[in-house]
Amino acid sequence: FLLVSWFITSSDSSTLVITTILSMGDEEPLARHRIFWGISIG
Protein backbone atom coordinates (compact mmCIF):
# COMPACT_ATOMS: atom_id res chain seq x y z
CA PHE A 1 0.00 0.00 0.00
CA LEU A 2 2.80 2.44 0.86
CA LEU A 3 4.58 1.72 -2.41
CA VAL A 4 1.38 2.47 -4.33
CA SER A 5 0.27 5.48 -2.29
CA TRP A 6 3.70 7.10 -2.21
CA PHE A 7 3.90 6.83 -5.95
CA ILE A 8 0.44 8.35 -6.25
CA THR A 9 1.48 11.42 -4.25
CA SER A 10 4.67 11.78 -6.29
CA SER A 11 2.73 11.42 -9.52
CA ASP A 12 0.09 13.88 -8.28
CA SER A 13 2.82 16.40 -7.58
CA SER A 14 4.53 15.87 -10.91
CA THR A 15 1.41 16.28 -13.06
CA LEU A 16 0.51 19.42 -11.12
CA VAL A 17 3.99 20.81 -11.66
CA ILE A 18 4.18 19.92 -15.35
CA THR A 19 0.83 21.48 -16.15
CA THR A 20 1.58 24.53 -13.99
CA ILE A 21 4.77 25.08 -16.02
CA LEU A 22 3.09 24.55 -19.38
CA SER A 23 0.14 26.78 -18.44
CA MET A 24 2.55 29.66 -17.68
CA GLY A 25 2.00 29.54 -13.93
CA ASP A 26 -1.68 28.59 -13.56
CA GLU A 27 -1.84 26.82 -10.17
CA GLU A 28 -5.19 25.17 -11.01
CA PRO A 29 -4.75 23.81 -14.57
CA LEU A 30 -7.52 21.96 -16.38
CA ALA A 31 -7.97 18.33 -15.40
CA ARG A 32 -7.58 16.95 -18.92
CA HIS A 33 -4.02 18.22 -19.14
CA ARG A 34 -3.08 16.50 -15.88
CA ILE A 35 -4.63 13.30 -17.24
CA PHE A 36 -2.53 13.50 -20.40
CA TRP A 37 0.72 13.99 -18.53
CA GLY A 38 -0.13 11.28 -16.01
CA ILE A 39 -0.54 8.86 -18.92
CA SER A 40 2.70 10.11 -20.51
CA ILE A 41 4.69 9.37 -17.36
CA GLY A 42 3.31 5.84 -17.25
Full PDB file with SEQRES, HELIX, SHEET, SSBOND, CRYST1, ORIGX, SCALE, CONECT and MASTER records, all heavy atoms in Angstrom:
SEQRES   1 A   42  PHE LEU LEU VAL SER TRP PHE ILE THR SER SER ASP SER          
SEQRES   2 A   42  SER THR LEU VAL ILE THR THR ILE LEU SER MET GLY ASP          
SEQRES   3 A   42  GLU GLU PRO LEU ALA ARG HIS ARG ILE PHE TRP GLY ILE          
SEQRES   4 A   42  SER ILE GLY                                                  
HELIX    1 AA1 LEU A    2  LEU A   22  1                                  21    
HELIX    2 AA2 ALA A   31  ILE A   41  1                                  11    
CRYST1    1.000    1.000    1.000  90.00  90.00  90.00 P 1           1          
ORIGX1      1.000000  0.000000  0.000000        0.00000                         
ORIGX2      0.000000  1.000000  0.000000        0.00000                         
ORIGX3      0.000000  0.000000  1.000000        0.00000                         
SCALE1      1.000000  0.000000  0.000000        0.00000                         
SCALE2      0.000000  1.000000  0.000000        0.00000                         
SCALE3      0.000000  0.000000  1.000000        0.00000                         
ATOM      1  N   PHE A   1       0.832  -1.211   0.000  1.00  0.00           N  
ATOM      2  CA  PHE A   1       0.000   0.000   0.000  1.00  0.00           C  
ATOM      3  C   PHE A   1       0.862   1.255   0.000  1.00  0.00           C  
ATOM      4  O   PHE A   1       0.588   2.219  -0.729  1.00  0.00           O  
ATOM      5  CB  PHE A   1      -0.916   0.004   1.221  1.00  0.00           C  
ATOM      6  CG  PHE A   1      -1.647   1.312   1.408  1.00  0.00           C  
ATOM      7  CD1 PHE A   1      -2.794   1.587   0.693  1.00  0.00           C  
ATOM      8  CD2 PHE A   1      -1.155   2.279   2.282  1.00  0.00           C  
ATOM      9  CE1 PHE A   1      -3.453   2.802   0.842  1.00  0.00           C  
ATOM     10  CE2 PHE A   1      -1.803   3.489   2.446  1.00  0.00           C  
ATOM     11  CZ  PHE A   1      -2.962   3.757   1.718  1.00  0.00           C  
ATOM     12  N   LEU A   2       1.922   1.268   0.813  1.00  0.00           N  
ATOM     13  CA  LEU A   2       2.796   2.439   0.858  1.00  0.00           C  
ATOM     14  C   LEU A   2       3.499   2.654  -0.476  1.00  0.00           C  
ATOM     15  O   LEU A   2       3.655   3.799  -0.931  1.00  0.00           O  
ATOM     16  CB  LEU A   2       3.837   2.285   1.972  1.00  0.00           C  
ATOM     17  CG  LEU A   2       3.358   2.543   3.398  1.00  0.00           C  
ATOM     18  CD1 LEU A   2       4.501   2.323   4.379  1.00  0.00           C  
ATOM     19  CD2 LEU A   2       2.806   3.963   3.534  1.00  0.00           C  
ATOM     20  N   LEU A   3       3.940   1.583  -1.102  1.00  0.00           N  
ATOM     21  CA  LEU A   3       4.579   1.721  -2.413  1.00  0.00           C  
ATOM     22  C   LEU A   3       3.630   2.368  -3.411  1.00  0.00           C  
ATOM     23  O   LEU A   3       4.015   3.263  -4.174  1.00  0.00           O  
ATOM     24  CB  LEU A   3       5.020   0.344  -2.920  1.00  0.00           C  
ATOM     25  CG  LEU A   3       6.264  -0.260  -2.269  1.00  0.00           C  
ATOM     26  CD1 LEU A   3       6.363  -1.751  -2.587  1.00  0.00           C  
ATOM     27  CD2 LEU A   3       7.516   0.463  -2.743  1.00  0.00           C  
ATOM     28  N   VAL A   4       2.369   1.917  -3.393  1.00  0.00           N  
ATOM     29  CA  VAL A   4       1.376   2.466  -4.326  1.00  0.00           C  
ATOM     30  C   VAL A   4       1.035   3.905  -3.962  1.00  0.00           C  
ATOM     31  O   VAL A   4       1.038   4.798  -4.814  1.00  0.00           O  
ATOM     32  CB  VAL A   4       0.110   1.588  -4.335  1.00  0.00           C  
ATOM     33  CG1 VAL A   4      -0.985   2.247  -5.183  1.00  0.00           C  
ATOM     34  CG2 VAL A   4       0.432   0.197  -4.868  1.00  0.00           C  
ATOM     35  N   SER A   5       0.738   4.147  -2.688  1.00  0.00           N  
ATOM     36  CA  SER A   5       0.268   5.476  -2.290  1.00  0.00           C  
ATOM     37  C   SER A   5       1.380   6.510  -2.380  1.00  0.00           C  
ATOM     38  O   SER A   5       1.122   7.670  -2.737  1.00  0.00           O  
ATOM     39  CB  SER A   5      -0.295   5.434  -0.868  1.00  0.00           C  
ATOM     40  OG  SER A   5       0.689   5.040   0.062  1.00  0.00           O  
ATOM     41  N   TRP A   6       2.607   6.133  -2.075  1.00  0.00           N  
ATOM     42  CA  TRP A   6       3.698   7.097  -2.212  1.00  0.00           C  
ATOM     43  C   TRP A   6       3.951   7.443  -3.675  1.00  0.00           C  
ATOM     44  O   TRP A   6       4.289   8.566  -4.002  1.00  0.00           O  
ATOM     45  CB  TRP A   6       4.963   6.564  -1.547  1.00  0.00           C  
ATOM     46  CG  TRP A   6       5.098   7.070  -0.139  1.00  0.00           C  
ATOM     47  CD1 TRP A   6       4.285   7.958   0.492  1.00  0.00           C  
ATOM     48  CD2 TRP A   6       6.108   6.705   0.804  1.00  0.00           C  
ATOM     49  NE1 TRP A   6       4.724   8.177   1.773  1.00  0.00           N  
ATOM     50  CE2 TRP A   6       5.834   7.420   1.984  1.00  0.00           C  
ATOM     51  CE3 TRP A   6       7.200   5.852   0.770  1.00  0.00           C  
ATOM     52  CZ2 TRP A   6       6.630   7.316   3.120  1.00  0.00           C  
ATOM     53  CZ3 TRP A   6       7.988   5.735   1.902  1.00  0.00           C  
ATOM     54  CH2 TRP A   6       7.703   6.465   3.055  1.00  0.00           C  
ATOM     55  N   PHE A   7       3.777   6.459  -4.544  1.00  0.00           N  
ATOM     56  CA  PHE A   7       3.903   6.827  -5.952  1.00  0.00           C  
ATOM     57  C   PHE A   7       2.774   7.755  -6.376  1.00  0.00           C  
ATOM     58  O   PHE A   7       2.981   8.688  -7.150  1.00  0.00           O  
ATOM     59  CB  PHE A   7       3.905   5.615  -6.879  1.00  0.00           C  
ATOM     60  CG  PHE A   7       3.810   6.035  -8.318  1.00  0.00           C  
ATOM     61  CD1 PHE A   7       4.891   6.621  -8.947  1.00  0.00           C  
ATOM     62  CD2 PHE A   7       2.614   5.942  -9.005  1.00  0.00           C  
ATOM     63  CE1 PHE A   7       4.782   7.080 -10.250  1.00  0.00           C  
ATOM     64  CE2 PHE A   7       2.504   6.404 -10.310  1.00  0.00           C  
ATOM     65  CZ  PHE A   7       3.600   6.966 -10.936  1.00  0.00           C  
ATOM     66  N   ILE A   8       1.569   7.501  -5.873  1.00  0.00           N  
ATOM     67  CA  ILE A   8       0.439   8.347  -6.251  1.00  0.00           C  
ATOM     68  C   ILE A   8       0.705   9.796  -5.873  1.00  0.00           C  
ATOM     69  O   ILE A   8       0.460  10.712  -6.666  1.00  0.00           O  
ATOM     70  CB  ILE A   8      -0.858   7.834  -5.591  1.00  0.00           C  
ATOM     71  CG1 ILE A   8      -1.288   6.509  -6.232  1.00  0.00           C  
ATOM     72  CG2 ILE A   8      -1.977   8.856  -5.713  1.00  0.00           C  
ATOM     73  CD1 ILE A   8      -2.447   5.840  -5.525  1.00  0.00           C  
ATOM     74  N   THR A   9       1.212  10.039  -4.654  1.00  0.00           N  
ATOM     75  CA  THR A   9       1.477  11.420  -4.246  1.00  0.00           C  
ATOM     76  C   THR A   9       2.587  12.044  -5.091  1.00  0.00           C  
ATOM     77  O   THR A   9       2.515  13.217  -5.447  1.00  0.00           O  
ATOM     78  CB  THR A   9       1.857  11.489  -2.766  1.00  0.00           C  
ATOM     79  OG1 THR A   9       2.956  10.600  -2.498  1.00  0.00           O  
ATOM     80  CG2 THR A   9       0.695  11.115  -1.891  1.00  0.00           C  
ATOM     81  N   SER A  10       3.611  11.248  -5.435  1.00  0.00           N  
ATOM     82  CA  SER A  10       4.672  11.780  -6.287  1.00  0.00           C  
ATOM     83  C   SER A  10       4.150  12.090  -7.676  1.00  0.00           C  
ATOM     84  O   SER A  10       4.487  13.111  -8.282  1.00  0.00           O  
ATOM     85  CB  SER A  10       5.831  10.774  -6.374  1.00  0.00           C  
ATOM     86  OG  SER A  10       6.443  10.590  -5.126  1.00  0.00           O  
ATOM     87  N   SER A  11       3.305  11.195  -8.200  1.00  0.00           N  
ATOM     88  CA  SER A  11       2.732  11.421  -9.523  1.00  0.00           C  
ATOM     89  C   SER A  11       1.778  12.610  -9.509  1.00  0.00           C  
ATOM     90  O   SER A  11       1.752  13.427 -10.439  1.00  0.00           O  
ATOM     91  CB  SER A  11       1.992  10.167  -9.996  1.00  0.00           C  
ATOM     92  OG  SER A  11       1.429  10.365 -11.277  1.00  0.00           O  
ATOM     93  N   ASP A  12       0.965  12.715  -8.437  1.00  0.00           N  
ATOM     94  CA  ASP A  12       0.089  13.878  -8.279  1.00  0.00           C  
ATOM     95  C   ASP A  12       0.904  15.165  -8.376  1.00  0.00           C  
ATOM     96  O   ASP A  12       0.543  16.108  -9.095  1.00  0.00           O  
ATOM     97  CB  ASP A  12      -0.590  13.850  -6.907  1.00  0.00           C  
ATOM     98  CG  ASP A  12      -1.715  12.834  -6.842  1.00  0.00           C  
ATOM     99  OD1 ASP A  12      -2.021  12.244  -7.883  1.00  0.00           O  
ATOM    100  OD2 ASP A  12      -2.263  12.633  -5.746  1.00  0.00           O  
ATOM    101  N   SER A  13       1.975  15.200  -7.610  1.00  0.00           N  
ATOM    102  CA  SER A  13       2.819  16.397  -7.575  1.00  0.00           C  
ATOM    103  C   SER A  13       3.392  16.693  -8.945  1.00  0.00           C  
ATOM    104  O   SER A  13       3.425  17.843  -9.388  1.00  0.00           O  
ATOM    105  CB  SER A  13       3.954  16.207  -6.561  1.00  0.00           C  
ATOM    106  OG  SER A  13       3.460  15.818  -5.309  1.00  0.00           O  
ATOM    107  N   SER A  14       3.860  15.654  -9.628  1.00  0.00           N  
ATOM    108  CA  SER A  14       4.529  15.875 -10.910  1.00  0.00           C  
ATOM    109  C   SER A  14       3.570  16.375 -11.978  1.00  0.00           C  
ATOM    110  O   SER A  14       3.906  17.274 -12.757  1.00  0.00           O  
ATOM    111  CB  SER A  14       5.206  14.588 -11.383  1.00  0.00           C  
ATOM    112  OG  SER A  14       4.252  13.585 -11.672  1.00  0.00           O  
ATOM    113  N   THR A  15       2.351  15.795 -12.041  1.00  0.00           N  
ATOM    114  CA  THR A  15       1.413  16.278 -13.057  1.00  0.00           C  
ATOM    115  C   THR A  15       0.971  17.710 -12.764  1.00  0.00           C  
ATOM    116  O   THR A  15       0.768  18.507 -13.688  1.00  0.00           O  
ATOM    117  CB  THR A  15       0.178  15.362 -13.133  1.00  0.00           C  
ATOM    118  OG1 THR A  15      -0.438  15.272 -11.839  1.00  0.00           O  
ATOM    119  CG2 THR A  15       0.569  13.975 -13.604  1.00  0.00           C  
ATOM    120  N   LEU A  16       0.841  18.044 -11.481  1.00  0.00           N  
ATOM    121  CA  LEU A  16       0.509  19.422 -11.123  1.00  0.00           C  
ATOM    122  C   LEU A  16       1.624  20.364 -11.553  1.00  0.00           C  
ATOM    123  O   LEU A  16       1.364  21.431 -12.130  1.00  0.00           O  
ATOM    124  CB  LEU A  16       0.286  19.531  -9.617  1.00  0.00           C  
ATOM    125  CG  LEU A  16       0.080  20.951  -9.067  1.00  0.00           C  
ATOM    126  CD1 LEU A  16      -1.192  21.560  -9.645  1.00  0.00           C  
ATOM    127  CD2 LEU A  16       0.042  20.953  -7.549  1.00  0.00           C  
ATOM    128  N   VAL A  17       2.850  19.959 -11.311  1.00  0.00           N  
ATOM    129  CA  VAL A  17       3.988  20.811 -11.656  1.00  0.00           C  
ATOM    130  C   VAL A  17       4.124  20.963 -13.170  1.00  0.00           C  
ATOM    131  O   VAL A  17       4.322  22.073 -13.689  1.00  0.00           O  
ATOM    132  CB  VAL A  17       5.282  20.234 -11.049  1.00  0.00           C  
ATOM    133  CG1 VAL A  17       6.512  20.885 -11.670  1.00  0.00           C  
ATOM    134  CG2 VAL A  17       5.293  20.436  -9.540  1.00  0.00           C  
ATOM    135  N   ILE A  18       4.030  19.864 -13.892  1.00  0.00           N  
ATOM    136  CA  ILE A  18       4.180  19.921 -15.349  1.00  0.00           C  
ATOM    137  C   ILE A  18       3.130  20.840 -15.961  1.00  0.00           C  
ATOM    138  O   ILE A  18       3.446  21.706 -16.790  1.00  0.00           O  
ATOM    139  CB  ILE A  18       4.076  18.502 -15.946  1.00  0.00           C  
ATOM    140  CG1 ILE A  18       5.307  17.682 -15.580  1.00  0.00           C  
ATOM    141  CG2 ILE A  18       3.919  18.565 -17.468  1.00  0.00           C  
ATOM    142  CD1 ILE A  18       5.180  16.210 -15.936  1.00  0.00           C  
ATOM    143  N   THR A  19       1.879  20.659 -15.563  1.00  0.00           N  
ATOM    144  CA  THR A  19       0.828  21.483 -16.154  1.00  0.00           C  
ATOM    145  C   THR A  19       0.892  22.930 -15.665  1.00  0.00           C  
ATOM    146  O   THR A  19       0.496  23.841 -16.399  1.00  0.00           O  
ATOM    147  CB  THR A  19      -0.555  20.886 -15.837  1.00  0.00           C  
ATOM    148  OG1 THR A  19      -0.656  20.596 -14.429  1.00  0.00           O  
ATOM    149  CG2 THR A  19      -0.769  19.593 -16.611  1.00  0.00           C  
ATOM    150  N   THR A  20       1.388  23.151 -14.451  1.00  0.00           N  
ATOM    151  CA  THR A  20       1.585  24.526 -13.987  1.00  0.00           C  
ATOM    152  C   THR A  20       2.631  25.226 -14.847  1.00  0.00           C  
ATOM    153  O   THR A  20       2.470  26.386 -15.236  1.00  0.00           O  
ATOM    154  CB  THR A  20       2.025  24.545 -12.515  1.00  0.00           C  
ATOM    155  OG1 THR A  20       0.979  24.004 -11.711  1.00  0.00           O  
ATOM    156  CG2 THR A  20       2.316  25.969 -12.049  1.00  0.00           C  
ATOM    157  N   ILE A  21       3.727  24.511 -15.168  1.00  0.00           N  
ATOM    158  CA  ILE A  21       4.773  25.081 -16.021  1.00  0.00           C  
ATOM    159  C   ILE A  21       4.231  25.376 -17.408  1.00  0.00           C  
ATOM    160  O   ILE A  21       4.416  26.476 -17.951  1.00  0.00           O  
ATOM    161  CB  ILE A  21       5.971  24.121 -16.098  1.00  0.00           C  
ATOM    162  CG1 ILE A  21       6.681  24.024 -14.744  1.00  0.00           C  
ATOM    163  CG2 ILE A  21       6.958  24.577 -17.177  1.00  0.00           C  
ATOM    164  CD1 ILE A  21       7.778  22.981 -14.710  1.00  0.00           C  
ATOM    165  N   LEU A  22       3.548  24.397 -17.999  1.00  0.00           N  
ATOM    166  CA  LEU A  22       3.093  24.547 -19.383  1.00  0.00           C  
ATOM    167  C   LEU A  22       1.920  25.510 -19.514  1.00  0.00           C  
ATOM    168  O   LEU A  22       1.627  25.977 -20.614  1.00  0.00           O  
ATOM    169  CB  LEU A  22       2.709  23.180 -19.954  1.00  0.00           C  
ATOM    170  CG  LEU A  22       3.871  22.190 -20.089  1.00  0.00           C  
ATOM    171  CD1 LEU A  22       3.364  20.853 -20.606  1.00  0.00           C  
ATOM    172  CD2 LEU A  22       4.954  22.736 -21.013  1.00  0.00           C  
ATOM    173  N   SER A  23       1.242  25.808 -18.410  1.00  0.00           N  
ATOM    174  CA  SER A  23       0.142  26.779 -18.440  1.00  0.00           C  
ATOM    175  C   SER A  23       0.620  28.174 -18.057  1.00  0.00           C  
ATOM    176  O   SER A  23      -0.201  29.060 -17.795  1.00  0.00           O  
ATOM    177  CB  SER A  23      -0.983  26.332 -17.497  1.00  0.00           C  
ATOM    178  OG  SER A  23      -0.523  26.313 -16.154  1.00  0.00           O  
ATOM    179  N   MET A  24       1.940  28.354 -17.991  1.00  0.00           N  
ATOM    180  CA  MET A  24       2.550  29.655 -17.682  1.00  0.00           C  
ATOM    181  C   MET A  24       2.213  30.124 -16.269  1.00  0.00           C  
ATOM    182  O   MET A  24       1.990  31.298 -16.013  1.00  0.00           O  
ATOM    183  CB  MET A  24       2.121  30.705 -18.700  1.00  0.00           C  
ATOM    184  CG  MET A  24       2.375  30.324 -20.153  1.00  0.00           C  
ATOM    185  SD  MET A  24       4.128  30.070 -20.509  1.00  0.00           S  
ATOM    186  CE  MET A  24       4.743  31.741 -20.469  1.00  0.00           C  
ATOM    187  N   GLY A  25       2.149  29.165 -15.331  1.00  0.00           N  
ATOM    188  CA  GLY A  25       2.005  29.542 -13.931  1.00  0.00           C  
ATOM    189  C   GLY A  25       0.626  29.360 -13.339  1.00  0.00           C  
ATOM    190  O   GLY A  25       0.409  29.691 -12.174  1.00  0.00           O  
ATOM    191  N   ASP A  26      -0.329  28.807 -14.103  1.00  0.00           N  
ATOM    192  CA  ASP A  26      -1.676  28.586 -13.565  1.00  0.00           C  
ATOM    193  C   ASP A  26      -1.601  27.482 -12.506  1.00  0.00           C  
ATOM    194  O   ASP A  26      -1.234  26.342 -12.809  1.00  0.00           O  
ATOM    195  CB  ASP A  26      -2.618  28.169 -14.688  1.00  0.00           C  
ATOM    196  CG  ASP A  26      -4.054  27.966 -14.204  1.00  0.00           C  
ATOM    197  OD1 ASP A  26      -4.326  28.192 -13.003  1.00  0.00           O  
ATOM    198  OD2 ASP A  26      -4.899  27.564 -15.034  1.00  0.00           O  
ATOM    199  N   GLU A  27      -1.947  27.788 -11.252  1.00  0.00           N  
ATOM    200  CA  GLU A  27      -1.839  26.818 -10.169  1.00  0.00           C  
ATOM    201  C   GLU A  27      -3.027  25.867 -10.110  1.00  0.00           C  
ATOM    202  O   GLU A  27      -3.042  24.939  -9.302  1.00  0.00           O  
ATOM    203  CB  GLU A  27      -1.674  27.549  -8.837  1.00  0.00           C  
ATOM    204  CG  GLU A  27      -0.380  28.367  -8.771  1.00  0.00           C  
ATOM    205  CD  GLU A  27      -0.205  29.070  -7.441  1.00  0.00           C  
ATOM    206  OE1 GLU A  27      -0.839  28.650  -6.459  1.00  0.00           O  
ATOM    207  OE2 GLU A  27       0.555  30.046  -7.381  1.00  0.00           O  
ATOM    208  N   GLU A  28      -4.038  26.077 -10.946  1.00  0.00           N  
ATOM    209  CA  GLU A  28      -5.190  25.169 -11.014  1.00  0.00           C  
ATOM    210  C   GLU A  28      -5.462  24.850 -12.483  1.00  0.00           C  
ATOM    211  O   GLU A  28      -6.501  25.227 -13.038  1.00  0.00           O  
ATOM    212  CB  GLU A  28      -6.423  25.800 -10.352  1.00  0.00           C  
ATOM    213  CG  GLU A  28      -6.286  26.060  -8.869  1.00  0.00           C  
ATOM    214  CD  GLU A  28      -6.160  24.790  -8.049  1.00  0.00           C  
ATOM    215  OE1 GLU A  28      -6.584  23.711  -8.554  1.00  0.00           O  
ATOM    216  OE2 GLU A  28      -5.643  24.853  -6.920  1.00  0.00           O  
ATOM    217  N   PRO A  29      -4.568  24.124 -13.149  1.00  0.00           N  
ATOM    218  CA  PRO A  29      -4.751  23.814 -14.571  1.00  0.00           C  
ATOM    219  C   PRO A  29      -5.910  22.859 -14.801  1.00  0.00           C  
ATOM    220  O   PRO A  29      -6.359  22.152 -13.879  1.00  0.00           O  
ATOM    221  CB  PRO A  29      -3.418  23.165 -14.964  1.00  0.00           C  
ATOM    222  CG  PRO A  29      -2.872  22.633 -13.681  1.00  0.00           C  
ATOM    223  CD  PRO A  29      -3.327  23.559 -12.609  1.00  0.00           C  
ATOM    224  N   LEU A  30      -6.383  22.806 -16.034  1.00  0.00           N  
ATOM    225  CA  LEU A  30      -7.521  21.960 -16.375  1.00  0.00           C  
ATOM    226  C   LEU A  30      -7.180  20.486 -16.148  1.00  0.00           C  
ATOM    227  O   LEU A  30      -6.053  20.047 -16.369  1.00  0.00           O  
ATOM    228  CB  LEU A  30      -7.930  22.177 -17.828  1.00  0.00           C  
ATOM    229  CG  LEU A  30      -8.491  23.566 -18.174  1.00  0.00           C  
ATOM    230  CD1 LEU A  30      -8.789  23.660 -19.662  1.00  0.00           C  
ATOM    231  CD2 LEU A  30      -9.748  23.849 -17.360  1.00  0.00           C  
ATOM    232  N   ALA A  31      -8.185  19.730 -15.747  1.00  0.00           N  
ATOM    233  CA  ALA A  31      -7.974  18.326 -15.395  1.00  0.00           C  
ATOM    234  C   ALA A  31      -7.475  17.504 -16.573  1.00  0.00           C  
ATOM    235  O   ALA A  31      -6.656  16.599 -16.411  1.00  0.00           O  
ATOM    236  CB  ALA A  31      -9.282  17.739 -14.857  1.00  0.00           C  
ATOM    237  N   ARG A  32      -7.950  17.797 -17.781  1.00  0.00           N  
ATOM    238  CA  ARG A  32      -7.579  16.951 -18.915  1.00  0.00           C  
ATOM    239  C   ARG A  32      -6.091  17.006 -19.210  1.00  0.00           C  
ATOM    240  O   ARG A  32      -5.508  16.032 -19.700  1.00  0.00           O  
ATOM    241  CB  ARG A  32      -8.400  17.335 -20.154  1.00  0.00           C  
ATOM    242  CG  ARG A  32      -8.163  18.722 -20.714  1.00  0.00           C  
ATOM    243  CD  ARG A  32      -8.856  18.828 -22.078  1.00  0.00           C  
ATOM    244  NE  ARG A  32      -8.758  20.156 -22.666  1.00  0.00           N  
ATOM    245  CZ  ARG A  32      -9.720  21.059 -22.623  1.00  0.00           C  
ATOM    246  NH1 ARG A  32     -10.860  20.790 -21.997  1.00  0.00           N  
ATOM    247  NH2 ARG A  32      -9.567  22.239 -23.191  1.00  0.00           N  
ATOM    248  N   HIS A  33      -5.460  18.133 -18.903  1.00  0.00           N  
ATOM    249  CA  HIS A  33      -4.020  18.220 -19.136  1.00  0.00           C  
ATOM    250  C   HIS A  33      -3.255  17.375 -18.124  1.00  0.00           C  
ATOM    251  O   HIS A  33      -2.238  16.749 -18.468  1.00  0.00           O  
ATOM    252  CB  HIS A  33      -3.578  19.678 -19.064  1.00  0.00           C  
ATOM    253  CG  HIS A  33      -4.278  20.570 -20.041  1.00  0.00           C  
ATOM    254  ND1 HIS A  33      -4.332  20.282 -21.385  1.00  0.00           N  
ATOM    255  CD2 HIS A  33      -4.977  21.730 -19.874  1.00  0.00           C  
ATOM    256  CE1 HIS A  33      -5.019  21.225 -22.009  1.00  0.00           C  
ATOM    257  NE2 HIS A  33      -5.424  22.115 -21.112  1.00  0.00           N  
ATOM    258  N   ARG A  34      -3.728  17.341 -16.890  1.00  0.00           N  
ATOM    259  CA  ARG A  34      -3.079  16.500 -15.884  1.00  0.00           C  
ATOM    260  C   ARG A  34      -3.272  15.025 -16.221  1.00  0.00           C  
ATOM    261  O   ARG A  34      -2.380  14.199 -15.974  1.00  0.00           O  
ATOM    262  CB  ARG A  34      -3.630  16.813 -14.493  1.00  0.00           C  
ATOM    263  CG  ARG A  34      -3.369  18.258 -14.059  1.00  0.00           C  
ATOM    264  CD  ARG A  34      -3.734  18.491 -12.624  1.00  0.00           C  
ATOM    265  NE  ARG A  34      -2.827  17.769 -11.726  1.00  0.00           N  
ATOM    266  CZ  ARG A  34      -2.878  17.859 -10.403  1.00  0.00           C  
ATOM    267  NH1 ARG A  34      -3.778  18.620  -9.826  1.00  0.00           N  
ATOM    268  NH2 ARG A  34      -2.033  17.171  -9.657  1.00  0.00           N  
ATOM    269  N   ILE A  35      -4.398  14.685 -16.810  1.00  0.00           N  
ATOM    270  CA  ILE A  35      -4.634  13.302 -17.235  1.00  0.00           C  
ATOM    271  C   ILE A  35      -3.641  12.915 -18.330  1.00  0.00           C  
ATOM    272  O   ILE A  35      -3.030  11.838 -18.285  1.00  0.00           O  
ATOM    273  CB  ILE A  35      -6.083  13.135 -17.732  1.00  0.00           C  
ATOM    274  CG1 ILE A  35      -7.066  13.298 -16.565  1.00  0.00           C  
ATOM    275  CG2 ILE A  35      -6.276  11.785 -18.420  1.00  0.00           C  
ATOM    276  CD1 ILE A  35      -8.525  13.326 -16.991  1.00  0.00           C  
ATOM    277  N   PHE A  36      -3.455  13.798 -19.305  1.00  0.00           N  
ATOM    278  CA  PHE A  36      -2.531  13.502 -20.404  1.00  0.00           C  
ATOM    279  C   PHE A  36      -1.119  13.267 -19.892  1.00  0.00           C  
ATOM    280  O   PHE A  36      -0.454  12.294 -20.283  1.00  0.00           O  
ATOM    281  CB  PHE A  36      -2.541  14.657 -21.416  1.00  0.00           C  
ATOM    282  CG  PHE A  36      -1.449  14.534 -22.451  1.00  0.00           C  
ATOM    283  CD1 PHE A  36      -1.600  13.686 -23.531  1.00  0.00           C  
ATOM    284  CD2 PHE A  36      -0.265  15.262 -22.332  1.00  0.00           C  
ATOM    285  CE1 PHE A  36      -0.588  13.561 -24.488  1.00  0.00           C  
ATOM    286  CE2 PHE A  36       0.746  15.144 -23.280  1.00  0.00           C  
ATOM    287  CZ  PHE A  36       0.579  14.289 -24.357  1.00  0.00           C  
ATOM    288  N   TRP A  37      -0.653  14.124 -18.995  1.00  0.00           N  
ATOM    289  CA  TRP A  37       0.725  13.990 -18.529  1.00  0.00           C  
ATOM    290  C   TRP A  37       0.869  12.835 -17.552  1.00  0.00           C  
ATOM    291  O   TRP A  37       1.948  12.218 -17.464  1.00  0.00           O  
ATOM    292  CB  TRP A  37       1.212  15.309 -17.935  1.00  0.00           C  
ATOM    293  CG  TRP A  37       1.490  16.302 -19.016  1.00  0.00           C  
ATOM    294  CD1 TRP A  37       0.703  17.355 -19.380  1.00  0.00           C  
ATOM    295  CD2 TRP A  37       2.593  16.290 -19.914  1.00  0.00           C  
ATOM    296  NE1 TRP A  37       1.254  18.013 -20.451  1.00  0.00           N  
ATOM    297  CE2 TRP A  37       2.420  17.376 -20.796  1.00  0.00           C  
ATOM    298  CE3 TRP A  37       3.707  15.483 -20.057  1.00  0.00           C  
ATOM    299  CZ2 TRP A  37       3.328  17.660 -21.814  1.00  0.00           C  
ATOM    300  CZ3 TRP A  37       4.613  15.754 -21.068  1.00  0.00           C  
ATOM    301  CH2 TRP A  37       4.419  16.834 -21.939  1.00  0.00           C  
ATOM    302  N   GLY A  38      -0.176  12.488 -16.836  1.00  0.00           N  
ATOM    303  CA  GLY A  38      -0.127  11.282 -16.013  1.00  0.00           C  
ATOM    304  C   GLY A  38       0.040  10.035 -16.864  1.00  0.00           C  
ATOM    305  O   GLY A  38       0.823   9.129 -16.538  1.00  0.00           O  
ATOM    306  N   ILE A  39      -0.681   9.982 -17.981  1.00  0.00           N  
ATOM    307  CA  ILE A  39      -0.542   8.861 -18.918  1.00  0.00           C  
ATOM    308  C   ILE A  39       0.856   8.852 -19.530  1.00  0.00           C  
ATOM    309  O   ILE A  39       1.486   7.787 -19.670  1.00  0.00           O  
ATOM    310  CB  ILE A  39      -1.620   8.941 -20.010  1.00  0.00           C  
ATOM    311  CG1 ILE A  39      -3.011   8.742 -19.393  1.00  0.00           C  
ATOM    312  CG2 ILE A  39      -1.359   7.910 -21.100  1.00  0.00           C  
ATOM    313  CD1 ILE A  39      -4.146   8.980 -20.366  1.00  0.00           C  
ATOM    314  N   SER A  40       1.372  10.020 -19.883  1.00  0.00           N  
ATOM    315  CA  SER A  40       2.698  10.112 -20.508  1.00  0.00           C  
ATOM    316  C   SER A  40       3.782   9.561 -19.595  1.00  0.00           C  
ATOM    317  O   SER A  40       4.693   8.845 -20.041  1.00  0.00           O  
ATOM    318  CB  SER A  40       3.005  11.570 -20.865  1.00  0.00           C  
ATOM    319  OG  SER A  40       2.069  12.078 -21.795  1.00  0.00           O  
ATOM    320  N   ILE A  41       3.701   9.877 -18.321  1.00  0.00           N  
ATOM    321  CA  ILE A  41       4.689   9.373 -17.357  1.00  0.00           C  
ATOM    322  C   ILE A  41       4.640   7.848 -17.308  1.00  0.00           C  
ATOM    323  O   ILE A  41       5.680   7.175 -17.296  1.00  0.00           O  
ATOM    324  CB  ILE A  41       4.432   9.976 -15.968  1.00  0.00           C  
ATOM    325  CG1 ILE A  41       4.789  11.466 -15.960  1.00  0.00           C  
ATOM    326  CG2 ILE A  41       5.234   9.233 -14.896  1.00  0.00           C  
ATOM    327  CD1 ILE A  41       4.344  12.192 -14.710  1.00  0.00           C  
ATOM    328  N   GLY A  42       3.444   7.285 -17.272  1.00  0.00           N  
ATOM    329  CA  GLY A  42       3.314   5.835 -17.253  1.00  0.00           C  
ATOM    330  C   GLY A  42       3.882   5.180 -18.504  1.00  0.00           C  
ATOM    331  O   GLY A  42       4.543   4.137 -18.423  1.00  0.00           O  
TER     332      GLY A  42                                                      
MASTER        0    0    0    2    0    0    0    6  331    1    0    4          
END                                                                             
